[in-house]
Amino acid sequence: MKIIDVPQYGPRFRFGDANVYWALHLLSDGKRMGRKALADRVGIGEGSMRRILDTLKDWEMVSIKQTGITITKTGSGFLNEIPVKILDMDLGDVVIGKYQQAVKVCGVSSKIENGMQQRDAGIRVGASGCTTIILRDGKLMMPPDWDLDKERPEIAAKIRKDVGLGADDIIIVGGADDVHSSVNAALAAAFELF
């Protein structure tokens, strides 16, 4: 899945689709935010954030005023259409890295082989890796064959309680030594599935 196409010529972007999605997610609470504060929370420079915001403004997904930036109905609708949802959960030592960010990715369980592709996607963006969780034959599994229900029933129970995980859905948890890399890892791994 591509949100913003990288130009074929000229300078390379210092941001990716994960940063664009995260910026929209951060604005989705309806509160106004300044460009610098948003850039800091996304973990990119102000120049990159300016490029993202200019593009999102052209697409009528954000409103930029002197009082701050807000997401528009178009932006909220776009965010809701993407089959990736941010989860607020900590899986403890099941995930490597000091910081974790989990996402639910809808309708992609058939694309998961052994979880290595997601791990590698996380590593490519500077994280320690990604952990993938799927529902297989009614069991929560970390591919290829680690049974979370059996090995860590307290975590499995928490996931079942807090996440409406359907048979075709997965959870990807990015783990890293900093917050921004954990977010980028989870989202980059998710977007590679589309």
N, C-alpha and C. Protein backbone atom coordinates (compact mmCIF):
# COMPACT_ATOMS: atom_id res chain seq x y z
N MET A 1 0.85 -1.17 0.00
CA MET A 1 0.00 0.00 0.00
C MET A 1 0.90 1.24 0.00
N LYS A 2 0.61 2.16 -0.85
CA LYS A 2 1.35 3.41 -0.92
C LYS A 2 0.39 4.55 -0.64
N ILE A 3 0.79 5.43 0.25
CA ILE A 3 0.01 6.63 0.50
C ILE A 3 0.59 7.77 -0.32
N ILE A 4 1.90 7.96 -0.21
CA ILE A 4 2.58 9.01 -0.98
C ILE A 4 3.63 8.33 -1.85
N ASP A 5 3.60 8.64 -3.14
CA ASP A 5 4.59 8.09 -4.06
C ASP A 5 5.90 8.84 -3.92
N VAL A 6 6.98 8.09 -3.90
CA VAL A 6 8.32 8.67 -3.82
C VAL A 6 8.69 9.16 -5.21
N PRO A 7 9.21 10.39 -5.32
CA PRO A 7 9.56 10.90 -6.65
C PRO A 7 10.68 10.07 -7.28
N GLN A 8 10.58 9.88 -8.58
CA GLN A 8 11.59 9.10 -9.29
C GLN A 8 12.90 9.89 -9.39
N TYR A 9 12.80 11.20 -9.50
CA TYR A 9 13.99 12.04 -9.65
C TYR A 9 14.03 13.05 -8.52
N GLY A 10 15.19 13.60 -8.27
CA GLY A 10 15.32 14.62 -7.24
C GLY A 10 15.66 14.00 -5.90
N PRO A 11 15.65 14.83 -4.87
CA PRO A 11 16.02 14.33 -3.54
C PRO A 11 15.03 13.30 -3.02
N ARG A 12 15.54 12.32 -2.29
CA ARG A 12 14.70 11.28 -1.71
C ARG A 12 13.97 11.84 -0.49
N PHE A 13 12.77 11.34 -0.26
CA PHE A 13 12.02 11.72 0.93
C PHE A 13 12.71 11.12 2.15
N ARG A 14 12.67 11.85 3.25
CA ARG A 14 13.20 11.34 4.51
C ARG A 14 12.07 10.89 5.41
N PHE A 15 11.00 10.45 4.79
CA PHE A 15 9.84 9.94 5.52
C PHE A 15 9.18 8.89 4.65
N GLY A 16 8.30 8.13 5.25
CA GLY A 16 7.61 7.09 4.52
C GLY A 16 6.12 7.12 4.82
N ASP A 17 5.42 6.14 4.27
CA ASP A 17 3.98 6.04 4.47
C ASP A 17 3.62 5.90 5.95
N ALA A 18 4.48 5.22 6.71
CA ALA A 18 4.23 5.07 8.14
C ALA A 18 4.16 6.44 8.82
N ASN A 19 5.03 7.37 8.43
CA ASN A 19 5.02 8.71 9.01
C ASN A 19 3.77 9.49 8.62
N VAL A 20 3.32 9.32 7.39
CA VAL A 20 2.11 9.99 6.92
C VAL A 20 0.90 9.47 7.70
N TYR A 21 0.80 8.16 7.81
CA TYR A 21 -0.32 7.55 8.55
C TYR A 21 -0.28 8.00 10.02
N TRP A 22 0.91 7.97 10.64
CA TRP A 22 1.03 8.33 12.05
C TRP A 22 0.64 9.80 12.28
N ALA A 23 1.01 10.67 11.35
CA ALA A 23 0.63 12.08 11.46
C ALA A 23 -0.89 12.21 11.44
N LEU A 24 -1.55 11.54 10.51
CA LEU A 24 -3.01 11.58 10.46
C LEU A 24 -3.62 10.99 11.73
N HIS A 25 -3.05 9.89 12.21
CA HIS A 25 -3.54 9.28 13.44
C HIS A 25 -3.43 10.25 14.62
N LEU A 26 -2.29 10.93 14.73
CA LEU A 26 -2.10 11.87 15.84
C LEU A 26 -3.09 13.04 15.77
N LEU A 27 -3.47 13.41 14.56
CA LEU A 27 -4.44 14.50 14.40
C LEU A 27 -5.89 14.02 14.56
N SER A 28 -6.10 12.72 14.54
CA SER A 28 -7.46 12.19 14.54
C SER A 28 -8.23 12.42 15.83
N ASP A 29 -7.55 12.88 16.88
CA ASP A 29 -8.27 13.19 18.13
C ASP A 29 -9.03 14.51 18.04
N GLY A 30 -8.85 15.23 16.94
CA GLY A 30 -9.59 16.47 16.71
C GLY A 30 -8.93 17.71 17.28
N LYS A 31 -7.84 17.55 18.01
CA LYS A 31 -7.16 18.71 18.60
C LYS A 31 -6.21 19.34 17.59
N ARG A 32 -6.06 20.65 17.71
CA ARG A 32 -5.11 21.36 16.85
C ARG A 32 -3.69 21.10 17.32
N MET A 33 -2.78 21.06 16.36
CA MET A 33 -1.39 20.84 16.69
C MET A 33 -0.52 21.66 15.74
N GLY A 34 0.56 22.18 16.24
CA GLY A 34 1.50 22.91 15.41
C GLY A 34 2.39 21.97 14.63
N ARG A 35 2.98 22.49 13.55
CA ARG A 35 3.82 21.66 12.68
C ARG A 35 5.03 21.11 13.43
N LYS A 36 5.69 21.92 14.24
CA LYS A 36 6.87 21.46 14.97
C LYS A 36 6.50 20.36 15.96
N ALA A 37 5.41 20.57 16.70
CA ALA A 37 4.98 19.56 17.68
C ALA A 37 4.62 18.26 16.97
N LEU A 38 3.95 18.36 15.83
CA LEU A 38 3.57 17.18 15.07
C LEU A 38 4.82 16.47 14.54
N ALA A 39 5.76 17.23 14.02
CA ALA A 39 7.01 16.65 13.52
C ALA A 39 7.75 15.92 14.64
N ASP A 40 7.79 16.52 15.82
CA ASP A 40 8.46 15.89 16.96
C ASP A 40 7.77 14.59 17.35
N ARG A 41 6.45 14.58 17.37
CA ARG A 41 5.71 13.37 17.77
C ARG A 41 5.79 12.27 16.72
N VAL A 42 5.93 12.67 15.45
CA VAL A 42 6.07 11.67 14.38
C VAL A 42 7.52 11.19 14.29
N GLY A 43 8.45 12.05 14.73
CA GLY A 43 9.86 11.66 14.71
C GLY A 43 10.58 11.97 13.42
N ILE A 44 10.14 13.05 12.75
CA ILE A 44 10.79 13.47 11.51
C ILE A 44 11.10 14.96 11.60
N GLY A 45 11.87 15.48 10.67
CA GLY A 45 12.21 16.89 10.65
C GLY A 45 11.05 17.76 10.18
N GLU A 46 11.18 19.05 10.48
CA GLU A 46 10.11 19.99 10.10
C GLU A 46 9.95 20.09 8.58
N GLY A 47 11.05 19.98 7.83
CA GLY A 47 10.96 20.04 6.37
C GLY A 47 10.15 18.88 5.82
N SER A 48 10.40 17.69 6.35
CA SER A 48 9.63 16.52 5.93
C SER A 48 8.17 16.67 6.32
N MET A 49 7.93 17.20 7.52
CA MET A 49 6.55 17.39 7.95
C MET A 49 5.86 18.43 7.07
N ARG A 50 6.57 19.45 6.67
CA ARG A 50 6.00 20.46 5.77
C ARG A 50 5.56 19.80 4.46
N ARG A 51 6.40 18.90 3.91
CA ARG A 51 6.09 18.20 2.67
C ARG A 51 4.84 17.33 2.84
N ILE A 52 4.78 16.60 3.96
CA ILE A 52 3.62 15.75 4.24
C ILE A 52 2.36 16.61 4.34
N LEU A 53 2.44 17.68 5.11
CA LEU A 53 1.27 18.53 5.33
C LEU A 53 0.82 19.22 4.05
N ASP A 54 1.77 19.67 3.23
CA ASP A 54 1.40 20.28 1.95
C ASP A 54 0.63 19.29 1.08
N THR A 55 1.10 18.04 1.05
CA THR A 55 0.42 17.02 0.27
C THR A 55 -0.96 16.73 0.83
N LEU A 56 -1.04 16.55 2.16
CA LEU A 56 -2.34 16.27 2.78
C LEU A 56 -3.31 17.43 2.63
N LYS A 57 -2.79 18.66 2.63
CA LYS A 57 -3.64 19.83 2.41
C LYS A 57 -4.17 19.83 0.97
N ASP A 58 -3.29 19.51 0.00
CA ASP A 58 -3.72 19.43 -1.40
C ASP A 58 -4.82 18.38 -1.57
N TRP A 59 -4.75 17.32 -0.81
CA TRP A 59 -5.74 16.25 -0.87
C TRP A 59 -6.94 16.54 0.03
N GLU A 60 -6.95 17.71 0.64
CA GLU A 60 -8.03 18.16 1.54
C GLU A 60 -8.23 17.24 2.74
N MET A 61 -7.13 16.67 3.24
CA MET A 61 -7.19 15.78 4.40
C MET A 61 -6.86 16.50 5.70
N VAL A 62 -6.20 17.65 5.59
CA VAL A 62 -5.91 18.46 6.77
C VAL A 62 -6.24 19.92 6.47
N SER A 63 -6.50 20.65 7.53
CA SER A 63 -6.70 22.09 7.44
C SER A 63 -5.55 22.74 8.19
N ILE A 64 -4.87 23.66 7.53
CA ILE A 64 -3.73 24.33 8.15
C ILE A 64 -4.07 25.80 8.33
N LYS A 65 -4.08 26.22 9.58
CA LYS A 65 -4.35 27.62 9.91
C LYS A 65 -3.27 28.10 10.85
N GLN A 66 -3.26 29.40 11.09
CA GLN A 66 -2.26 29.96 11.99
C GLN A 66 -2.40 29.38 13.41
N THR A 67 -3.60 28.96 13.77
CA THR A 67 -3.84 28.40 15.10
C THR A 67 -3.47 26.94 15.20
N GLY A 68 -3.10 26.30 14.08
CA GLY A 68 -2.68 24.90 14.11
C GLY A 68 -3.26 24.07 12.99
N ILE A 69 -2.95 22.81 13.03
CA ILE A 69 -3.35 21.86 11.99
C ILE A 69 -4.42 20.95 12.57
N THR A 70 -5.45 20.69 11.78
CA THR A 70 -6.49 19.74 12.18
C THR A 70 -6.78 18.81 11.02
N ILE A 71 -7.30 17.65 11.34
CA ILE A 71 -7.70 16.69 10.32
C ILE A 71 -9.10 17.08 9.84
N THR A 72 -9.38 16.87 8.57
CA THR A 72 -10.70 17.16 8.00
C THR A 72 -11.53 15.88 7.97
N LYS A 73 -12.79 16.03 7.58
CA LYS A 73 -13.65 14.85 7.42
C LYS A 73 -13.08 13.91 6.36
N THR A 74 -12.52 14.48 5.30
CA THR A 74 -11.90 13.67 4.26
C THR A 74 -10.73 12.89 4.82
N GLY A 75 -9.91 13.55 5.63
CA GLY A 75 -8.77 12.88 6.25
C GLY A 75 -9.20 11.79 7.21
N SER A 76 -10.22 12.06 8.01
CA SER A 76 -10.74 11.05 8.94
C SER A 76 -11.32 9.86 8.19
N GLY A 77 -12.03 10.15 7.10
CA GLY A 77 -12.60 9.08 6.29
C GLY A 77 -11.51 8.21 5.68
N PHE A 78 -10.47 8.85 5.17
CA PHE A 78 -9.34 8.12 4.59
C PHE A 78 -8.69 7.23 5.64
N LEU A 79 -8.45 7.78 6.82
CA LEU A 79 -7.82 7.03 7.90
C LEU A 79 -8.67 5.83 8.30
N ASN A 80 -9.98 6.01 8.33
CA ASN A 80 -10.87 4.91 8.70
C ASN A 80 -10.95 3.83 7.64
N GLU A 81 -10.69 4.18 6.38
CA GLU A 81 -10.75 3.20 5.29
C GLU A 81 -9.53 2.29 5.25
N ILE A 82 -8.42 2.76 5.79
CA ILE A 82 -7.20 1.95 5.78
C ILE A 82 -7.39 0.81 6.79
N PRO A 83 -7.16 -0.42 6.38
CA PRO A 83 -7.41 -1.57 7.26
C PRO A 83 -6.33 -1.79 8.31
N VAL A 84 -5.77 -0.72 8.81
CA VAL A 84 -4.75 -0.77 9.86
C VAL A 84 -5.24 0.11 11.00
N LYS A 85 -5.29 -0.46 12.19
CA LYS A 85 -5.77 0.28 13.37
C LYS A 85 -4.72 0.23 14.46
N ILE A 86 -4.48 1.36 15.09
CA ILE A 86 -3.51 1.47 16.17
C ILE A 86 -4.08 0.82 17.43
N LEU A 87 -3.27 0.02 18.11
CA LEU A 87 -3.67 -0.62 19.36
C LEU A 87 -2.81 -0.08 20.50
N ASP A 88 -3.43 0.08 21.62
CA ASP A 88 -2.71 0.52 22.82
C ASP A 88 -2.53 -0.69 23.72
N MET A 89 -1.42 -1.38 23.54
CA MET A 89 -1.17 -2.57 24.36
C MET A 89 0.33 -2.80 24.50
N ASP A 90 0.71 -3.42 25.58
CA ASP A 90 2.09 -3.76 25.86
C ASP A 90 2.14 -5.26 26.10
N LEU A 91 2.92 -5.97 25.32
CA LEU A 91 3.00 -7.42 25.45
C LEU A 91 4.21 -7.87 26.26
N GLY A 92 4.84 -6.92 26.95
CA GLY A 92 5.95 -7.28 27.83
C GLY A 92 7.11 -7.90 27.09
N ASP A 93 7.68 -8.96 27.69
CA ASP A 93 8.89 -9.56 27.14
C ASP A 93 8.64 -10.48 25.95
N VAL A 94 7.40 -10.57 25.49
CA VAL A 94 7.11 -11.34 24.27
C VAL A 94 7.67 -10.61 23.05
N VAL A 95 7.81 -9.30 23.17
CA VAL A 95 8.32 -8.47 22.08
C VAL A 95 9.68 -7.91 22.48
N ILE A 96 10.63 -7.96 21.57
CA ILE A 96 11.96 -7.45 21.84
C ILE A 96 11.97 -5.93 21.70
N GLY A 97 12.70 -5.23 22.56
CA GLY A 97 12.81 -3.79 22.49
C GLY A 97 12.16 -3.12 23.70
N LYS A 98 12.69 -1.97 24.06
CA LYS A 98 12.19 -1.22 25.22
C LYS A 98 10.80 -0.65 24.98
N TYR A 99 10.52 -0.22 23.74
CA TYR A 99 9.23 0.38 23.39
C TYR A 99 8.51 -0.52 22.40
N GLN A 100 7.18 -0.50 22.48
CA GLN A 100 6.36 -1.32 21.60
C GLN A 100 5.22 -0.50 21.02
N GLN A 101 4.85 -0.82 19.79
CA GLN A 101 3.64 -0.27 19.19
C GLN A 101 2.95 -1.39 18.44
N ALA A 102 1.69 -1.61 18.78
CA ALA A 102 0.91 -2.66 18.14
C ALA A 102 -0.09 -2.06 17.16
N VAL A 103 -0.32 -2.79 16.08
CA VAL A 103 -1.36 -2.44 15.11
C VAL A 103 -2.14 -3.69 14.76
N LYS A 104 -3.41 -3.50 14.51
CA LYS A 104 -4.26 -4.57 14.00
C LYS A 104 -4.38 -4.36 12.50
N VAL A 105 -4.14 -5.41 11.73
CA VAL A 105 -4.24 -5.32 10.28
C VAL A 105 -5.35 -6.29 9.86
N CYS A 106 -6.37 -5.74 9.25
CA CYS A 106 -7.57 -6.53 8.92
C CYS A 106 -7.46 -7.21 7.56
N GLY A 107 -7.88 -8.47 7.53
CA GLY A 107 -8.04 -9.20 6.28
C GLY A 107 -6.78 -9.69 5.60
N VAL A 108 -5.69 -9.89 6.33
CA VAL A 108 -4.43 -10.27 5.68
C VAL A 108 -3.80 -11.55 6.23
N SER A 109 -4.50 -12.30 7.07
CA SER A 109 -3.87 -13.46 7.71
C SER A 109 -3.36 -14.49 6.69
N SER A 110 -4.01 -14.58 5.54
CA SER A 110 -3.57 -15.54 4.52
C SER A 110 -2.21 -15.17 3.92
N LYS A 111 -1.78 -13.94 4.10
CA LYS A 111 -0.50 -13.49 3.56
C LYS A 111 0.67 -13.75 4.51
N ILE A 112 0.38 -14.21 5.72
CA ILE A 112 1.43 -14.44 6.70
C ILE A 112 1.99 -15.84 6.52
N GLU A 113 3.29 -15.92 6.32
CA GLU A 113 3.94 -17.21 6.18
C GLU A 113 4.52 -17.64 7.53
N ASN A 114 5.63 -17.01 7.90
CA ASN A 114 6.28 -17.39 9.15
C ASN A 114 6.62 -16.18 10.03
N GLY A 115 6.16 -15.00 9.66
CA GLY A 115 6.41 -13.80 10.44
C GLY A 115 7.75 -13.14 10.19
N MET A 116 8.61 -13.78 9.44
CA MET A 116 9.95 -13.23 9.18
C MET A 116 9.89 -11.98 8.29
N GLN A 117 8.93 -11.96 7.38
CA GLN A 117 8.80 -10.79 6.50
C GLN A 117 8.48 -9.55 7.33
N GLN A 118 7.61 -9.69 8.32
CA GLN A 118 7.25 -8.56 9.17
C GLN A 118 8.43 -8.16 10.06
N ARG A 119 9.13 -9.16 10.60
CA ARG A 119 10.33 -8.87 11.40
C ARG A 119 11.34 -8.08 10.58
N ASP A 120 11.58 -8.55 9.36
CA ASP A 120 12.56 -7.89 8.49
C ASP A 120 12.14 -6.47 8.13
N ALA A 121 10.83 -6.26 7.91
CA ALA A 121 10.34 -4.91 7.60
C ALA A 121 10.62 -3.98 8.76
N GLY A 122 10.45 -4.45 9.98
CA GLY A 122 10.75 -3.65 11.16
C GLY A 122 12.22 -3.32 11.27
N ILE A 123 13.05 -4.30 11.01
CA ILE A 123 14.50 -4.09 11.09
C ILE A 123 14.96 -3.09 10.04
N ARG A 124 14.38 -3.16 8.84
CA ARG A 124 14.77 -2.23 7.77
C ARG A 124 14.54 -0.77 8.15
N VAL A 125 13.55 -0.49 9.01
CA VAL A 125 13.29 0.90 9.39
C VAL A 125 13.94 1.27 10.72
N GLY A 126 14.85 0.43 11.21
CA GLY A 126 15.64 0.78 12.37
C GLY A 126 15.17 0.24 13.71
N ALA A 127 14.19 -0.66 13.69
CA ALA A 127 13.69 -1.23 14.95
C ALA A 127 14.43 -2.53 15.26
N SER A 128 14.15 -3.08 16.42
CA SER A 128 14.71 -4.39 16.78
C SER A 128 14.00 -5.49 16.02
N GLY A 129 12.77 -5.23 15.60
CA GLY A 129 12.01 -6.19 14.83
C GLY A 129 10.52 -6.04 15.04
N CYS A 130 9.76 -6.99 14.54
CA CYS A 130 8.30 -7.02 14.69
C CYS A 130 7.88 -8.43 15.07
N THR A 131 6.86 -8.49 15.90
CA THR A 131 6.25 -9.75 16.29
C THR A 131 4.87 -9.80 15.67
N THR A 132 4.53 -10.92 15.04
CA THR A 132 3.24 -11.08 14.40
C THR A 132 2.41 -12.09 15.19
N ILE A 133 1.15 -11.77 15.38
CA ILE A 133 0.22 -12.65 16.08
C ILE A 133 -0.99 -12.88 15.19
N ILE A 134 -1.33 -14.15 14.99
CA ILE A 134 -2.49 -14.50 14.17
C ILE A 134 -3.39 -15.46 14.93
N LEU A 135 -4.60 -15.58 14.47
CA LEU A 135 -5.56 -16.54 15.01
C LEU A 135 -5.60 -17.72 14.06
N ARG A 136 -5.16 -18.88 14.55
CA ARG A 136 -5.12 -20.07 13.70
C ARG A 136 -5.82 -21.22 14.42
N ASP A 137 -6.88 -21.74 13.83
CA ASP A 137 -7.66 -22.83 14.43
C ASP A 137 -8.11 -22.47 15.85
N GLY A 138 -8.49 -21.21 16.04
CA GLY A 138 -8.99 -20.75 17.33
C GLY A 138 -7.92 -20.43 18.34
N LYS A 139 -6.65 -20.61 17.98
CA LYS A 139 -5.54 -20.33 18.89
C LYS A 139 -4.79 -19.09 18.45
N LEU A 140 -4.34 -18.30 19.42
CA LEU A 140 -3.47 -17.17 19.11
C LEU A 140 -2.06 -17.70 18.94
N MET A 141 -1.50 -17.47 17.77
CA MET A 141 -0.19 -18.02 17.42
C MET A 141 0.76 -16.92 16.99
N MET A 142 2.04 -17.13 17.31
CA MET A 142 3.11 -16.32 16.75
C MET A 142 3.80 -17.23 15.73
N PRO A 143 3.60 -16.94 14.43
CA PRO A 143 4.11 -17.84 13.40
C PRO A 143 5.62 -18.07 13.56
N PRO A 144 6.06 -19.27 13.20
CA PRO A 144 5.26 -20.29 12.56
C PRO A 144 4.44 -21.16 13.53
N ASP A 145 4.90 -21.40 14.75
CA ASP A 145 4.18 -22.38 15.56
C ASP A 145 4.23 -22.15 17.08
N TRP A 146 4.43 -20.92 17.51
CA TRP A 146 4.48 -20.65 18.96
C TRP A 146 3.08 -20.32 19.43
N ASP A 147 2.53 -21.17 20.28
CA ASP A 147 1.16 -21.07 20.77
C ASP A 147 1.10 -20.11 21.95
N LEU A 148 0.61 -18.91 21.71
CA LEU A 148 0.53 -17.89 22.75
C LEU A 148 -0.46 -18.28 23.84
N ASP A 149 -1.55 -18.96 23.47
CA ASP A 149 -2.53 -19.42 24.46
C ASP A 149 -1.90 -20.38 25.46
N LYS A 150 -1.03 -21.24 24.97
CA LYS A 150 -0.40 -22.24 25.83
C LYS A 150 0.80 -21.66 26.60
N GLU A 151 1.65 -20.92 25.90
CA GLU A 151 2.90 -20.43 26.48
C GLU A 151 2.71 -19.20 27.39
N ARG A 152 1.82 -18.29 27.00
CA ARG A 152 1.60 -17.05 27.76
C ARG A 152 0.10 -16.76 27.84
N PRO A 153 -0.65 -17.56 28.58
CA PRO A 153 -2.11 -17.43 28.61
C PRO A 153 -2.59 -16.07 29.11
N GLU A 154 -1.83 -15.40 29.98
CA GLU A 154 -2.25 -14.09 30.47
C GLU A 154 -2.22 -13.04 29.36
N ILE A 155 -1.23 -13.12 28.49
CA ILE A 155 -1.14 -12.19 27.36
C ILE A 155 -2.21 -12.54 26.33
N ALA A 156 -2.41 -13.81 26.06
CA ALA A 156 -3.45 -14.24 25.12
C ALA A 156 -4.82 -13.77 25.60
N ALA A 157 -5.08 -13.89 26.90
CA ALA A 157 -6.37 -13.45 27.45
C ALA A 157 -6.54 -11.95 27.29
N LYS A 158 -5.47 -11.20 27.50
CA LYS A 158 -5.51 -9.74 27.35
C LYS A 158 -5.82 -9.36 25.90
N ILE A 159 -5.20 -10.05 24.95
CA ILE A 159 -5.44 -9.78 23.53
C ILE A 159 -6.89 -10.10 23.19
N ARG A 160 -7.37 -11.24 23.63
CA ARG A 160 -8.76 -11.62 23.35
C ARG A 160 -9.75 -10.62 23.93
N LYS A 161 -9.44 -10.09 25.10
CA LYS A 161 -10.33 -9.14 25.78
C LYS A 161 -10.30 -7.76 25.12
N ASP A 162 -9.11 -7.30 24.77
CA ASP A 162 -8.93 -5.92 24.32
C ASP A 162 -9.02 -5.70 22.81
N VAL A 163 -8.80 -6.76 22.02
CA VAL A 163 -8.74 -6.61 20.57
C VAL A 163 -9.79 -7.51 19.93
N GLY A 164 -10.63 -6.94 19.10
CA GLY A 164 -11.61 -7.75 18.36
C GLY A 164 -10.93 -8.38 17.17
N LEU A 165 -10.16 -9.43 17.41
CA LEU A 165 -9.37 -10.06 16.35
C LEU A 165 -10.21 -11.10 15.61
N GLY A 166 -10.48 -10.83 14.34
CA GLY A 166 -11.22 -11.77 13.51
C GLY A 166 -10.29 -12.81 12.91
N ALA A 167 -10.87 -13.82 12.30
CA ALA A 167 -10.10 -14.93 11.74
C ALA A 167 -9.12 -14.49 10.66
N ASP A 168 -9.43 -13.40 9.95
CA ASP A 168 -8.56 -12.93 8.87
C ASP A 168 -7.64 -11.79 9.30
N ASP A 169 -7.69 -11.41 10.57
CA ASP A 169 -6.92 -10.27 11.07
C ASP A 169 -5.64 -10.74 11.74
N ILE A 170 -4.68 -9.83 11.82
CA ILE A 170 -3.43 -10.10 12.53
C ILE A 170 -3.08 -8.92 13.40
N ILE A 171 -2.15 -9.14 14.30
CA ILE A 171 -1.56 -8.06 15.10
C ILE A 171 -0.08 -8.06 14.78
N ILE A 172 0.46 -6.88 14.55
CA ILE A 172 1.89 -6.71 14.39
C ILE A 172 2.35 -5.76 15.49
N VAL A 173 3.39 -6.17 16.21
CA VAL A 173 3.94 -5.33 17.28
C VAL A 173 5.38 -5.00 16.94
N GLY A 174 5.64 -3.70 16.73
CA GLY A 174 6.99 -3.25 16.48
C GLY A 174 7.69 -3.04 17.80
N GLY A 175 8.90 -3.52 17.91
CA GLY A 175 9.69 -3.34 19.12
C GLY A 175 11.00 -2.63 18.80
N ALA A 176 11.35 -1.65 19.63
CA ALA A 176 12.57 -0.88 19.37
C ALA A 176 13.05 -0.21 20.65
N ASP A 177 14.22 0.40 20.57
CA ASP A 177 14.77 1.11 21.71
C ASP A 177 14.31 2.56 21.77
N ASP A 178 13.50 2.98 20.79
CA ASP A 178 12.88 4.31 20.85
C ASP A 178 11.47 4.23 20.30
N VAL A 179 10.62 5.14 20.73
CA VAL A 179 9.20 5.13 20.38
C VAL A 179 8.98 5.22 18.88
N HIS A 180 9.68 6.15 18.22
CA HIS A 180 9.44 6.38 16.80
C HIS A 180 9.76 5.14 15.96
N SER A 181 10.83 4.45 16.30
CA SER A 181 11.18 3.25 15.53
C SER A 181 10.17 2.13 15.74
N SER A 182 9.61 2.03 16.94
CA SER A 182 8.60 0.98 17.17
C SER A 182 7.34 1.26 16.34
N VAL A 183 6.94 2.51 16.27
CA VAL A 183 5.78 2.90 15.46
C VAL A 183 6.06 2.64 13.98
N ASN A 184 7.21 3.11 13.50
CA ASN A 184 7.57 2.92 12.10
C ASN A 184 7.64 1.45 11.73
N ALA A 185 8.16 0.63 12.64
CA ALA A 185 8.30 -0.80 12.37
C ALA A 185 6.93 -1.44 12.19
N ALA A 186 6.02 -1.22 13.13
CA ALA A 186 4.70 -1.84 13.06
C ALA A 186 3.96 -1.39 11.79
N LEU A 187 4.00 -0.09 11.51
CA LEU A 187 3.27 0.42 10.35
C LEU A 187 3.92 0.00 9.04
N ALA A 188 5.25 0.03 8.96
CA ALA A 188 5.94 -0.39 7.73
C ALA A 188 5.64 -1.86 7.43
N ALA A 189 5.67 -2.71 8.45
CA ALA A 189 5.35 -4.13 8.26
C ALA A 189 3.90 -4.31 7.81
N ALA A 190 3.01 -3.52 8.39
CA ALA A 190 1.59 -3.61 8.01
C ALA A 190 1.40 -3.19 6.56
N PHE A 191 1.98 -2.06 6.15
CA PHE A 191 1.78 -1.55 4.81
C PHE A 191 2.38 -2.46 3.74
N GLU A 192 3.39 -3.24 4.09
CA GLU A 192 3.98 -4.17 3.11
C GLU A 192 3.03 -5.29 2.75
N LEU A 193 1.98 -5.50 3.54
CA LEU A 193 1.03 -6.57 3.28
C LEU A 193 -0.02 -6.19 2.23
N PHE A 194 -0.02 -4.93 1.79
CA PHE A 194 -1.02 -4.48 0.81
C PHE A 194 -0.37 -4.16 -0.51
